[in-house]
Amino acid sequence: MGEVEISALAYVKMCLHAARYPHAAVNGLFLAPAPRSGECLCLTDCVPLFHSHLALSVMLEVALNQVDVWGAQAGLVVAGYYHANAAVNDQSNI
């Protein structure tokens, strides 16, 4: 099984996206340099997408295509997806 690392930048961007919109579900994409066989997948950046209704839609398809094109120009591939549910009223003990 391959290893996956996440950079501090990608992790912080994801956490800040969720913290900024605790009342809404959020999602986004992770970008990484294209890994070679046997190498660790290093998630180097994060692109926050939405903080509202997260159903599959035309907006999501357009966003995925835009991130894919932008990442390809920077030598990156879409390597992951994150989703965080709304947590503003979560009173559960963890």
C-alpha atoms as a PDB file:
ATOM      1  CA  MET A   1       0.000   0.000   0.000  1.00  0.00           C
ATOM      2  CA  GLY A   2       1.358   3.447  -0.881  1.00  0.00           C
ATOM      3  CA  GLU A   3       2.148   6.174   1.585  1.00  0.00           C
ATOM      4  CA  VAL A   4       0.443   9.554   1.580  1.00  0.00           C
ATOM      5  CA  GLU A   5       1.840  12.740   3.108  1.00  0.00           C
ATOM      6  CA  ILE A   6       0.041  16.055   3.474  1.00  0.00           C
ATOM      7  CA  SER A   7       1.898  19.349   3.553  1.00  0.00           C
ATOM      8  CA  ALA A   8       1.262  21.905   6.279  1.00  0.00           C
ATOM      9  CA  LEU A   9      -0.092  24.330   3.666  1.00  0.00           C
ATOM     10  CA  ALA A  10      -2.678  21.854   2.365  1.00  0.00           C
ATOM     11  CA  TYR A  11      -3.712  20.822   5.885  1.00  0.00           C
ATOM     12  CA  VAL A  12      -4.086  24.391   7.146  1.00  0.00           C
ATOM     13  CA  LYS A  13      -6.076  25.500   4.086  1.00  0.00           C
ATOM     14  CA  MET A  14      -8.484  22.596   4.593  1.00  0.00           C
ATOM     15  CA  CYS A  15      -8.889  23.287   8.330  1.00  0.00           C
ATOM     16  CA  LEU A  16      -9.367  27.024   7.816  1.00  0.00           C
ATOM     17  CA  HIS A  17     -12.015  26.375   5.173  1.00  0.00           C
ATOM     18  CA  ALA A  18     -13.985  24.212   7.622  1.00  0.00           C
ATOM     19  CA  ALA A  19     -13.433  26.660  10.502  1.00  0.00           C
ATOM     20  CA  ARG A  20     -14.575  29.658   8.457  1.00  0.00           C
ATOM     21  CA  TYR A  21     -17.898  27.984   7.595  1.00  0.00           C
ATOM     22  CA  PRO A  22     -18.859  25.824  10.634  1.00  0.00           C
ATOM     23  CA  HIS A  23     -22.549  26.220   9.770  1.00  0.00           C
ATOM     24  CA  ALA A  24     -22.142  24.619   6.339  1.00  0.00           C
ATOM     25  CA  ALA A  25     -20.704  21.487   4.818  1.00  0.00           C
ATOM     26  CA  VAL A  26     -17.481  22.232   2.947  1.00  0.00           C
ATOM     27  CA  ASN A  27     -15.450  20.395   0.336  1.00  0.00           C
ATOM     28  CA  GLY A  28     -12.324  20.798  -1.728  1.00  0.00           C
ATOM     29  CA  LEU A  29      -9.538  19.097  -3.623  1.00  0.00           C
ATOM     30  CA  PHE A  30      -5.956  18.136  -2.837  1.00  0.00           C
ATOM     31  CA  LEU A  31      -3.235  18.595  -5.445  1.00  0.00           C
ATOM     32  CA  ALA A  32       0.060  16.739  -5.709  1.00  0.00           C
ATOM     33  CA  PRO A  33       2.915  16.277  -8.144  1.00  0.00           C
ATOM     34  CA  ALA A  34       2.250  13.192 -10.267  1.00  0.00           C
ATOM     35  CA  PRO A  35       3.804  10.339  -8.263  1.00  0.00           C
ATOM     36  CA  ARG A  36       6.163   7.835  -9.801  1.00  0.00           C
ATOM     37  CA  SER A  37       5.695   4.148  -9.169  1.00  0.00           C
ATOM     38  CA  GLY A  38       6.523   3.269  -5.568  1.00  0.00           C
ATOM     39  CA  GLU A  39       6.902   6.880  -4.426  1.00  0.00           C
ATOM     40  CA  CYS A  40       4.991   8.527  -1.629  1.00  0.00           C
ATOM     41  CA  LEU A  41       2.035  10.672  -2.707  1.00  0.00           C
ATOM     42  CA  CYS A  42       2.688  14.137  -1.241  1.00  0.00           C
ATOM     43  CA  LEU A  43      -0.403  16.355  -1.126  1.00  0.00           C
ATOM     44  CA  THR A  44       1.173  19.783  -1.543  1.00  0.00           C
ATOM     45  CA  ASP A  45      -1.804  22.108  -1.954  1.00  0.00           C
ATOM     46  CA  CYS A  46      -5.506  22.337  -1.318  1.00  0.00           C
ATOM     47  CA  VAL A  47      -8.199  24.098  -3.335  1.00  0.00           C
ATOM     48  CA  PRO A  48     -11.349  24.831  -1.303  1.00  0.00           C
ATOM     49  CA  LEU A  49     -14.419  24.502  -3.506  1.00  0.00           C
ATOM     50  CA  PHE A  50     -17.808  24.995  -1.877  1.00  0.00           C
ATOM     51  CA  HIS A  51     -19.350  25.825   1.471  1.00  0.00           C
ATOM     52  CA  SER A  52     -22.988  25.421   0.609  1.00  0.00           C
ATOM     53  CA  HIS A  53     -25.160  22.787  -1.037  1.00  0.00           C
ATOM     54  CA  LEU A  54     -22.769  20.000  -2.041  1.00  0.00           C
ATOM     55  CA  ALA A  55     -24.869  17.983  -4.468  1.00  0.00           C
ATOM     56  CA  LEU A  56     -23.199  17.004  -7.706  1.00  0.00           C
ATOM     57  CA  SER A  57     -23.987  19.787 -10.080  1.00  0.00           C
ATOM     58  CA  VAL A  58     -22.803  21.708 -13.077  1.00  0.00           C
ATOM     59  CA  MET A  59     -20.901  24.079 -10.750  1.00  0.00           C
ATOM     60  CA  LEU A  60     -18.939  21.167  -9.292  1.00  0.00           C
ATOM     61  CA  GLU A  61     -18.140  19.778 -12.729  1.00  0.00           C
ATOM     62  CA  VAL A  62     -16.883  23.181 -13.898  1.00  0.00           C
ATOM     63  CA  ALA A  63     -14.823  23.618 -10.711  1.00  0.00           C
ATOM     64  CA  LEU A  64     -13.227  20.190 -11.139  1.00  0.00           C
ATOM     65  CA  ASN A  65     -12.302  20.970 -14.735  1.00  0.00           C
ATOM     66  CA  GLN A  66     -10.852  24.368 -13.810  1.00  0.00           C
ATOM     67  CA  VAL A  67      -8.740  22.925 -10.994  1.00  0.00           C
ATOM     68  CA  ASP A  68      -7.570  20.101 -13.265  1.00  0.00           C
ATOM     69  CA  VAL A  69      -6.452  22.548 -15.982  1.00  0.00           C
ATOM     70  CA  TRP A  70      -4.814  24.924 -13.482  1.00  0.00           C
ATOM     71  CA  GLY A  71      -3.045  22.031 -11.754  1.00  0.00           C
ATOM     72  CA  ALA A  72      -1.773  20.622 -15.043  1.00  0.00           C
ATOM     73  CA  GLN A  73      -0.221  24.001 -15.863  1.00  0.00           C
ATOM     74  CA  ALA A  74       1.553  23.911 -12.498  1.00  0.00           C
ATOM     75  CA  GLY A  75       2.643  20.271 -12.911  1.00  0.00           C
ATOM     76  CA  LEU A  76       0.114  18.981 -10.368  1.00  0.00           C
ATOM     77  CA  VAL A  77      -2.671  16.416 -10.480  1.00  0.00           C
ATOM     78  CA  VAL A  78      -5.902  16.208  -8.517  1.00  0.00           C
ATOM     79  CA  ALA A  79      -4.973  13.606  -5.919  1.00  0.00           C
ATOM     80  CA  GLY A  80      -7.676  13.796  -3.284  1.00  0.00           C
ATOM     81  CA  TYR A  81     -10.982  15.175  -2.091  1.00  0.00           C
ATOM     82  CA  TYR A  82     -12.092  16.371   1.327  1.00  0.00           C
ATOM     83  CA  HIS A  83     -15.532  16.868   2.801  1.00  0.00           C
ATOM     84  CA  ALA A  84     -16.461  18.181   6.242  1.00  0.00           C
ATOM     85  CA  ASN A  85     -20.032  18.174   7.491  1.00  0.00           C
ATOM     86  CA  ALA A  86     -21.589  21.187   9.175  1.00  0.00           C
ATOM     87  CA  ALA A  87     -20.508  21.130  12.826  1.00  0.00           C
ATOM     88  CA  VAL A  88     -21.823  24.317  14.413  1.00  0.00           C
ATOM     89  CA  ASN A  89     -24.480  22.444  16.433  1.00  0.00           C
ATOM     90  CA  ASP A  90     -22.478  19.266  17.076  1.00  0.00           C
ATOM     91  CA  GLN A  91     -22.656  18.556  20.813  1.00  0.00           C
ATOM     92  CA  SER A  92     -21.240  15.021  20.722  1.00  0.00           C
ATOM     93  CA  ASN A  93     -18.385  13.996  22.995  1.00  0.00           C
ATOM     94  CA  ILE A  94     -15.356  12.840  21.101  1.00  0.00           C
END
